[in-house]
Protein backbone atom coordinates (compact mmCIF):
# COMPACT_ATOMS: atom_id res chain seq x y z
CA MET A 1 9.63 -5.20 1.53
CA LEU A 2 8.83 -7.70 -1.13
CA THR A 3 9.80 -6.58 -4.60
CA ILE A 4 6.41 -7.49 -6.06
CA GLU A 5 4.57 -5.21 -3.63
CA LYS A 6 7.03 -2.37 -4.27
CA GLU A 7 6.42 -2.68 -7.99
CA LYS A 8 2.65 -2.80 -7.53
CA LEU A 9 2.71 0.38 -5.44
CA LYS A 10 4.79 2.08 -8.11
CA LEU A 11 2.44 0.85 -10.85
CA PHE A 12 -0.65 2.23 -9.10
CA ARG A 13 0.99 5.65 -8.59
CA ILE A 14 1.95 5.73 -12.28
CA ARG A 15 -1.42 4.44 -13.51
CA TYR A 16 -3.57 6.90 -11.58
CA ARG A 17 -1.06 9.77 -11.20
CA ILE A 18 -2.34 10.51 -7.70
CA SER A 19 -1.53 9.37 -4.20
CA PHE A 20 -3.39 6.52 -2.53
CA LYS A 21 -5.18 8.98 -0.21
CA GLU A 22 -6.39 10.99 -3.21
CA PHE A 23 -7.47 7.80 -4.98
CA GLU A 24 -9.28 6.62 -1.85
CA LYS A 25 -11.20 9.92 -1.66
CA LYS A 26 -12.11 9.59 -5.34
CA ILE A 27 -13.38 6.03 -4.86
CA ASN A 28 -15.38 6.86 -1.73
CA SER A 29 -16.99 9.97 -3.22
CA SER A 30 -17.82 8.47 -6.61
CA LYS A 31 -21.52 8.01 -7.29
CA LYS A 32 -20.83 5.31 -9.86
CA GLU A 33 -18.96 2.17 -8.87
CA ILE A 34 -16.26 1.25 -11.38
CA PHE A 35 -15.29 -2.33 -10.67
CA SER A 36 -11.75 -2.09 -12.06
CA GLU A 37 -11.02 0.94 -9.88
CA TRP A 38 -12.47 -0.74 -6.78
CA ASP A 39 -10.38 -3.80 -7.55
CA ASP A 40 -7.26 -1.65 -7.84
CA TYR A 41 -8.23 0.20 -4.66
CA MET A 42 -8.44 -3.04 -2.67
CA GLU A 43 -5.13 -4.30 -4.04
CA TRP A 44 -3.40 -0.94 -3.53
CA LYS A 45 -4.68 -0.79 0.06
CA ALA A 46 -3.51 -4.36 0.71
CA CYS A 47 -0.02 -3.52 -0.60
CA ILE A 48 0.15 -0.47 1.66
CA ASN A 49 -0.94 -2.53 4.66
CA MET A 50 1.64 -5.18 3.81
CA LYS A 51 4.32 -2.49 3.54
CA LYS A 52 3.38 -1.10 6.97
CA LYS A 53 3.44 -4.59 8.49
CA TYR A 54 6.82 -5.35 6.91
CA GLU A 55 8.30 -2.08 8.16
CA ALA A 56 6.98 -2.71 11.69
CA GLU A 57 8.44 -6.23 11.69
CA LYS A 58 11.76 -4.95 10.38
CA LYS A 59 11.87 -2.31 13.12
CA ASP A 60 10.97 -4.90 15.76
CA ILE A 61 13.77 -7.22 14.59
CA GLY A 62 16.21 -4.31 14.71
CA ASN A 63 15.13 -3.50 18.25
CA ARG A 64 15.58 -7.13 19.32
CA LYS A 65 19.09 -7.19 17.87
CA ARG A 66 20.02 -4.08 19.88
CA ILE A 67 18.65 -5.59 23.09
CA THR A 68 20.55 -8.87 22.70
CA LYS A 69 23.91 -7.17 22.11
């Protein structure tokens, strides 16, 4: 995974001291929209999606290497 995304994920966990799922629940249940938190939510979610995509690609490449051997 890209180092920048790893660091961003770490930063969000440190900043909010909760998991992404807990933060997502907080955002979705909040009656008042706090722009900075929504902005962080969107970026945090994008980093998680990028991590999942990277891990899937890495696994796929590993599987291809095993098949070609």
